[in-house]
Amino acid sequence: MRILAISGSLRGASSNTQALRALTSLAPAGVEVVLYEGIGELPHFNPDMDGDAPPGAVVHFRAALAGADGVVFSSPEYAHGVPGVLKNALDWVVGSGEFAEKPVAIVNASPRAVHALASLTETLTMMAARIVPEASIAVPLLGRALPEGGILADAEIADALGKAIADFARTIGRG
C-alpha cells in the first residue's frame, strides 16, 4: 500500500513536514508513506496551461496522486487559511479527478489551526475526496520545533501518529 504525504509548508524544518516524515517511520508493515516534496515546483494555476500538455510538474503531481492508495495532508495556517502553495497544488487537480473517492487523512500539527483545517477539509470534500475522520488527528507540535527524531521519541505524539496511520491503512484496506 502506498500513501502519499503532502505538507502545506515549504519550510524544511516545518512541524507539519516533520510530522509527515515521522509517519514514514511509524507506518505498519506493508505500508509505504512517501513524502511528496514537489508542490513548490508547480506553476501558478492557470486553466489556459491545463490543456493537452500541462506543465511537467503538474503531470508528475497528478501521477503521484493517481498512484497513491491514500493521501495524508499536514498544513500550517496562514491568514486563517491554507498556504497559497497548497491551495495552488489543489487547484491543479480540481478538475482532473485524482481525489475522487481517494481516502484522505489530515494531521493538524497545531490544534489552533482550525481555519486552515476547515478550509482544507472543505476543498477536499468538494473534490470528492473521502476524508477518514478516525485517521485525522491534531498533535501538539506548535512551538516545539521537534525534528522527526524528536517526534518519534515523544511517546504520546508517536503513539497518536502511529495509531492514525494504522487506522488509515486499515480503512484503505477495507476499501
C-alpha atoms as a PDB file:
ATOM      1  CA  MET A   1       0.000   0.000   0.000  1.00  0.00           C
ATOM      2  CA  ARG A   2       1.318   3.430  -0.951  1.00  0.00           C
ATOM      3  CA  ILE A   3       0.302   6.581   0.927  1.00  0.00           C
ATOM      4  CA  LEU A   4       1.338   9.987  -0.335  1.00  0.00           C
ATOM      5  CA  ALA A   5       2.091  12.595   2.356  1.00  0.00           C
ATOM      6  CA  ILE A   6       1.783  16.279   1.428  1.00  0.00           C
ATOM      7  CA  SER A   7       2.884  19.172   3.615  1.00  0.00           C
ATOM      8  CA  GLY A   8       1.363  22.593   3.095  1.00  0.00           C
ATOM      9  CA  SER A   9       4.642  24.177   4.157  1.00  0.00           C
ATOM     10  CA  LEU A  10       7.780  24.700   2.108  1.00  0.00           C
ATOM     11  CA  ARG A  11       9.926  25.288   5.228  1.00  0.00           C
ATOM     12  CA  GLY A  12      12.435  22.485   5.699  1.00  0.00           C
ATOM     13  CA  ALA A  13      12.018  22.500   9.489  1.00  0.00           C
ATOM     14  CA  SER A  14       8.226  22.802   9.362  1.00  0.00           C
ATOM     15  CA  SER A  15       6.487  20.895  12.138  1.00  0.00           C
ATOM     16  CA  ASN A  16       3.916  19.781   9.550  1.00  0.00           C
ATOM     17  CA  THR A  17       6.615  18.289   7.346  1.00  0.00           C
ATOM     18  CA  GLN A  18       8.369  16.720  10.342  1.00  0.00           C
ATOM     19  CA  ALA A  19       5.100  15.065  11.435  1.00  0.00           C
ATOM     20  CA  LEU A  20       4.728  13.572   7.969  1.00  0.00           C
ATOM     21  CA  ARG A  21       8.352  12.422   7.989  1.00  0.00           C
ATOM     22  CA  ALA A  22       7.632  10.658  11.289  1.00  0.00           C
ATOM     23  CA  LEU A  23       4.709   8.867   9.639  1.00  0.00           C
ATOM     24  CA  THR A  24       7.152   7.279   7.204  1.00  0.00           C
ATOM     25  CA  SER A  25       8.796   5.539  10.187  1.00  0.00           C
ATOM     26  CA  LEU A  26       5.544   4.740  12.004  1.00  0.00           C
ATOM     27  CA  ALA A  27       3.700   3.119   9.114  1.00  0.00           C
ATOM     28  CA  PRO A  28       2.735  -0.504   9.667  1.00  0.00           C
ATOM     29  CA  ALA A  29       4.373  -3.307   7.717  1.00  0.00           C
ATOM     30  CA  GLY A  30       3.327  -3.319   4.086  1.00  0.00           C
ATOM     31  CA  VAL A  31       2.536   0.405   4.089  1.00  0.00           C
ATOM     32  CA  GLU A  32       4.866   2.851   2.374  1.00  0.00           C
ATOM     33  CA  VAL A  33       4.417   6.532   3.225  1.00  0.00           C
ATOM     34  CA  VAL A  34       6.102   8.755   0.635  1.00  0.00           C
ATOM     35  CA  LEU A  35       6.596  12.462   1.287  1.00  0.00           C
ATOM     36  CA  TYR A  36       5.779  14.467  -1.845  1.00  0.00           C
ATOM     37  CA  GLU A  37       8.132  17.422  -1.962  1.00  0.00           C
ATOM     38  CA  GLY A  38       7.220  18.961  -5.312  1.00  0.00           C
ATOM     39  CA  ILE A  39       4.343  21.333  -4.586  1.00  0.00           C
ATOM     40  CA  GLY A  40       6.705  24.297  -4.594  1.00  0.00           C
ATOM     41  CA  GLU A  41       7.647  23.444  -8.194  1.00  0.00           C
ATOM     42  CA  LEU A  42       4.101  23.738  -9.514  1.00  0.00           C
ATOM     43  CA  PRO A  43       3.472  26.856 -11.601  1.00  0.00           C
ATOM     44  CA  HIS A  44       0.721  29.245 -10.582  1.00  0.00           C
ATOM     45  CA  PHE A  45      -2.561  27.661 -11.571  1.00  0.00           C
ATOM     46  CA  ASN A  46      -3.773  28.872 -14.943  1.00  0.00           C
ATOM     47  CA  PRO A  47      -6.533  26.946 -16.734  1.00  0.00           C
ATOM     48  CA  ASP A  48      -5.042  28.041 -20.061  1.00  0.00           C
ATOM     49  CA  MET A  49      -1.939  25.947 -19.248  1.00  0.00           C
ATOM     50  CA  ASP A  50      -4.005  22.856 -18.449  1.00  0.00           C
ATOM     51  CA  GLY A  51      -4.665  21.555 -21.938  1.00  0.00           C
ATOM     52  CA  ASP A  52      -3.283  18.592 -23.816  1.00  0.00           C
ATOM     53  CA  ALA A  53       0.228  19.158 -22.474  1.00  0.00           C
ATOM     54  CA  PRO A  54       0.156  20.530 -18.904  1.00  0.00           C
ATOM     55  CA  PRO A  55       3.466  21.542 -17.300  1.00  0.00           C
ATOM     56  CA  GLY A  56       5.731  18.650 -16.316  1.00  0.00           C
ATOM     57  CA  ALA A  57       5.454  19.394 -12.590  1.00  0.00           C
ATOM     58  CA  VAL A  58       1.670  19.129 -12.880  1.00  0.00           C
ATOM     59  CA  VAL A  59       1.898  15.804 -14.732  1.00  0.00           C
ATOM     60  CA  HIS A  60       4.248  14.489 -12.020  1.00  0.00           C
ATOM     61  CA  PHE A  61       1.952  15.676  -9.198  1.00  0.00           C
ATOM     62  CA  ARG A  62      -1.116  14.122 -10.799  1.00  0.00           C
ATOM     63  CA  ALA A  63       0.729  10.842 -11.375  1.00  0.00           C
ATOM     64  CA  ALA A  64       1.879  10.751  -7.736  1.00  0.00           C
ATOM     65  CA  LEU A  65      -1.702  11.275  -6.574  1.00  0.00           C
ATOM     66  CA  ALA A  66      -3.118   8.727  -9.004  1.00  0.00           C
ATOM     67  CA  GLY A  67      -0.556   6.137  -7.882  1.00  0.00           C
ATOM     68  CA  ALA A  68      -1.359   6.561  -4.198  1.00  0.00           C
ATOM     69  CA  ASP A  69      -3.883   4.444  -2.332  1.00  0.00           C
ATOM     70  CA  GLY A  70      -4.450   7.355   0.051  1.00  0.00           C
ATOM     71  CA  VAL A  71      -3.153  10.829   0.862  1.00  0.00           C
ATOM     72  CA  VAL A  72      -2.205  12.412   4.199  1.00  0.00           C
ATOM     73  CA  PHE A  73      -2.024  16.194   4.479  1.00  0.00           C
ATOM     74  CA  SER A  74      -0.491  18.364   7.165  1.00  0.00           C
ATOM     75  CA  SER A  75      -0.678  22.102   6.730  1.00  0.00           C
ATOM     76  CA  PRO A  76       0.016  25.248   8.695  1.00  0.00           C
ATOM     77  CA  GLU A  77      -2.497  28.052   8.841  1.00  0.00           C
ATOM     78  CA  TYR A  78      -1.702  31.376   7.178  1.00  0.00           C
ATOM     79  CA  ALA A  79      -4.171  34.269   7.487  1.00  0.00           C
ATOM     80  CA  HIS A  80      -6.988  31.890   8.527  1.00  0.00           C
ATOM     81  CA  GLY A  81      -6.484  29.595   5.538  1.00  0.00           C
ATOM     82  CA  VAL A  82      -4.192  27.094   3.894  1.00  0.00           C
ATOM     83  CA  PRO A  83      -0.926  28.438   2.486  1.00  0.00           C
ATOM     84  CA  GLY A  84      -1.090  29.587  -1.125  1.00  0.00           C
ATOM     85  CA  VAL A  85       1.307  26.864  -2.266  1.00  0.00           C
ATOM     86  CA  LEU A  86      -1.060  24.131  -1.061  1.00  0.00           C
ATOM     87  CA  LYS A  87      -4.149  25.828  -2.455  1.00  0.00           C
ATOM     88  CA  ASN A  88      -2.320  26.201  -5.774  1.00  0.00           C
ATOM     89  CA  ALA A  89      -1.472  22.483  -5.792  1.00  0.00           C
ATOM     90  CA  LEU A  90      -5.084  21.580  -5.120  1.00  0.00           C
ATOM     91  CA  ASP A  91      -6.284  23.958  -7.843  1.00  0.00           C
ATOM     92  CA  TRP A  92      -4.235  21.959 -10.362  1.00  0.00           C
ATOM     93  CA  VAL A  93      -6.225  18.798  -9.559  1.00  0.00           C
ATOM     94  CA  VAL A  94      -9.738  20.132  -9.000  1.00  0.00           C
ATOM     95  CA  GLY A  95     -10.934  19.065 -12.434  1.00  0.00           C
ATOM     96  CA  SER A  96      -8.617  16.156 -13.180  1.00  0.00           C
ATOM     97  CA  GLY A  97     -10.236  13.700 -10.759  1.00  0.00           C
ATOM     98  CA  GLU A  98      -7.326  12.301  -8.731  1.00  0.00           C
ATOM     99  CA  PHE A  99      -9.186  12.888  -5.469  1.00  0.00           C
ATOM    100  CA  ALA A 100     -12.493  11.283  -6.473  1.00  0.00           C
ATOM    101  CA  GLU A 101     -13.173   8.773  -3.666  1.00  0.00           C
ATOM    102  CA  LYS A 102      -9.487   8.898  -2.648  1.00  0.00           C
ATOM    103  CA  PRO A 103      -9.095   8.237   1.098  1.00  0.00           C
ATOM    104  CA  VAL A 104      -7.579  11.277   2.824  1.00  0.00           C
ATOM    105  CA  ALA A 105      -6.346  11.900   6.357  1.00  0.00           C
ATOM    106  CA  ILE A 106      -5.339  15.237   7.832  1.00  0.00           C
ATOM    107  CA  VAL A 107      -2.703  15.640  10.531  1.00  0.00           C
ATOM    108  CA  ASN A 108      -3.058  19.010  12.214  1.00  0.00           C
ATOM    109  CA  ALA A 109       0.246  19.954  13.840  1.00  0.00           C
ATOM    110  CA  SER A 110      -1.326  22.961  15.554  1.00  0.00           C
ATOM    111  CA  PRO A 111      -4.677  22.380  17.234  1.00  0.00           C
ATOM    112  CA  ARG A 112      -5.233  26.157  16.972  1.00  0.00           C
ATOM    113  CA  ALA A 113      -5.172  25.991  13.153  1.00  0.00           C
ATOM    114  CA  VAL A 114      -8.934  25.481  12.901  1.00  0.00           C
ATOM    115  CA  HIS A 115      -9.496  27.761   9.899  1.00  0.00           C
ATOM    116  CA  ALA A 116      -6.911  26.043   7.699  1.00  0.00           C
ATOM    117  CA  LEU A 117      -8.254  22.649   8.748  1.00  0.00           C
ATOM    118  CA  ALA A 118     -11.803  23.700   7.871  1.00  0.00           C
ATOM    119  CA  SER A 119     -10.699  25.211   4.562  1.00  0.00           C
ATOM    120  CA  LEU A 120      -8.653  22.164   3.569  1.00  0.00           C
ATOM    121  CA  THR A 121     -11.485  19.825   4.555  1.00  0.00           C
ATOM    122  CA  GLU A 122     -13.997  21.853   2.535  1.00  0.00           C
ATOM    123  CA  THR A 123     -11.779  21.922  -0.556  1.00  0.00           C
ATOM    124  CA  LEU A 124     -11.060  18.195  -0.407  1.00  0.00           C
ATOM    125  CA  THR A 125     -14.731  17.379   0.192  1.00  0.00           C
ATOM    126  CA  MET A 126     -15.710  19.468  -2.836  1.00  0.00           C
ATOM    127  CA  MET A 127     -13.159  17.463  -4.839  1.00  0.00           C
ATOM    128  CA  ALA A 128     -14.955  14.239  -3.747  1.00  0.00           C
ATOM    129  CA  ALA A 129     -12.117  13.028  -1.506  1.00  0.00           C
ATOM    130  CA  ARG A 130     -13.143  10.574   1.207  1.00  0.00           C
ATOM    131  CA  ILE A 131     -11.949  12.133   4.491  1.00  0.00           C
ATOM    132  CA  VAL A 132     -11.181   9.441   7.090  1.00  0.00           C
ATOM    133  CA  PRO A 133     -12.079  11.014  10.466  1.00  0.00           C
ATOM    134  CA  GLU A 134     -10.505   8.311  12.653  1.00  0.00           C
ATOM    135  CA  ALA A 135      -7.143   8.888  10.934  1.00  0.00           C
ATOM    136  CA  SER A 136      -7.372  12.701  11.010  1.00  0.00           C
ATOM    137  CA  ILE A 137      -5.807  13.963  14.215  1.00  0.00           C
ATOM    138  CA  ALA A 138      -4.341  17.015  15.907  1.00  0.00           C
ATOM    139  CA  VAL A 139      -0.940  16.704  17.554  1.00  0.00           C
ATOM    140  CA  PRO A 140       0.590  19.390  19.796  1.00  0.00           C
ATOM    141  CA  LEU A 141       3.676  20.396  17.798  1.00  0.00           C
ATOM    142  CA  LEU A 142       3.126  24.178  17.692  1.00  0.00           C
ATOM    143  CA  GLY A 143       6.166  25.982  19.065  1.00  0.00           C
ATOM    144  CA  ARG A 144       8.031  22.777  19.892  1.00  0.00           C
ATOM    145  CA  ALA A 145      10.296  22.668  16.815  1.00  0.00           C
ATOM    146  CA  LEU A 146      10.715  18.917  17.078  1.00  0.00           C
ATOM    147  CA  PRO A 147      12.578  17.220  14.258  1.00  0.00           C
ATOM    148  CA  GLU A 148      11.379  13.824  13.066  1.00  0.00           C
ATOM    149  CA  GLY A 149      13.529  12.060  15.679  1.00  0.00           C
ATOM    150  CA  GLY A 150      12.118  14.225  18.463  1.00  0.00           C
ATOM    151  CA  ILE A 151       8.574  13.405  17.367  1.00  0.00           C
ATOM    152  CA  LEU A 152       9.403   9.705  17.331  1.00  0.00           C
ATOM    153  CA  ALA A 153      10.970   9.999  20.808  1.00  0.00           C
ATOM    154  CA  ASP A 154       7.850  11.655  22.257  1.00  0.00           C
ATOM    155  CA  ALA A 155       5.753   8.617  23.178  1.00  0.00           C
ATOM    156  CA  GLU A 156       2.437  10.489  23.268  1.00  0.00           C
ATOM    157  CA  ILE A 157       2.854  12.072  19.827  1.00  0.00           C
ATOM    158  CA  ALA A 158       4.434   8.995  18.238  1.00  0.00           C
ATOM    159  CA  ASP A 159       1.635   6.776  19.577  1.00  0.00           C
ATOM    160  CA  ALA A 160      -1.046   9.131  18.239  1.00  0.00           C
ATOM    161  CA  LEU A 161       0.590   9.329  14.808  1.00  0.00           C
ATOM    162  CA  GLY A 162       1.215   5.569  14.722  1.00  0.00           C
ATOM    163  CA  LYS A 163      -2.411   4.837  15.580  1.00  0.00           C
ATOM    164  CA  ALA A 164      -3.628   7.337  12.964  1.00  0.00           C
ATOM    165  CA  ILE A 165      -1.545   5.840  10.141  1.00  0.00           C
ATOM    166  CA  ALA A 166      -2.536   2.299  11.163  1.00  0.00           C
ATOM    167  CA  ASP A 167      -6.231   3.299  11.237  1.00  0.00           C
ATOM    168  CA  PHE A 168      -5.816   4.972   7.849  1.00  0.00           C
ATOM    169  CA  ALA A 169      -4.183   1.897   6.323  1.00  0.00           C
ATOM    170  CA  ARG A 170      -6.937  -0.362   7.719  1.00  0.00           C
ATOM    171  CA  THR A 171      -9.610   1.918   6.264  1.00  0.00           C
ATOM    172  CA  ILE A 172      -7.899   1.922   2.870  1.00  0.00           C
ATOM    173  CA  GLY A 173      -7.536  -1.839   3.009  1.00  0.00           C
ATOM    174  CA  ARG A 174     -11.266  -2.234   3.597  1.00  0.00           C
ATOM    175  CA  GLY A 175     -11.716  -0.008   0.552  1.00  0.00           C
END
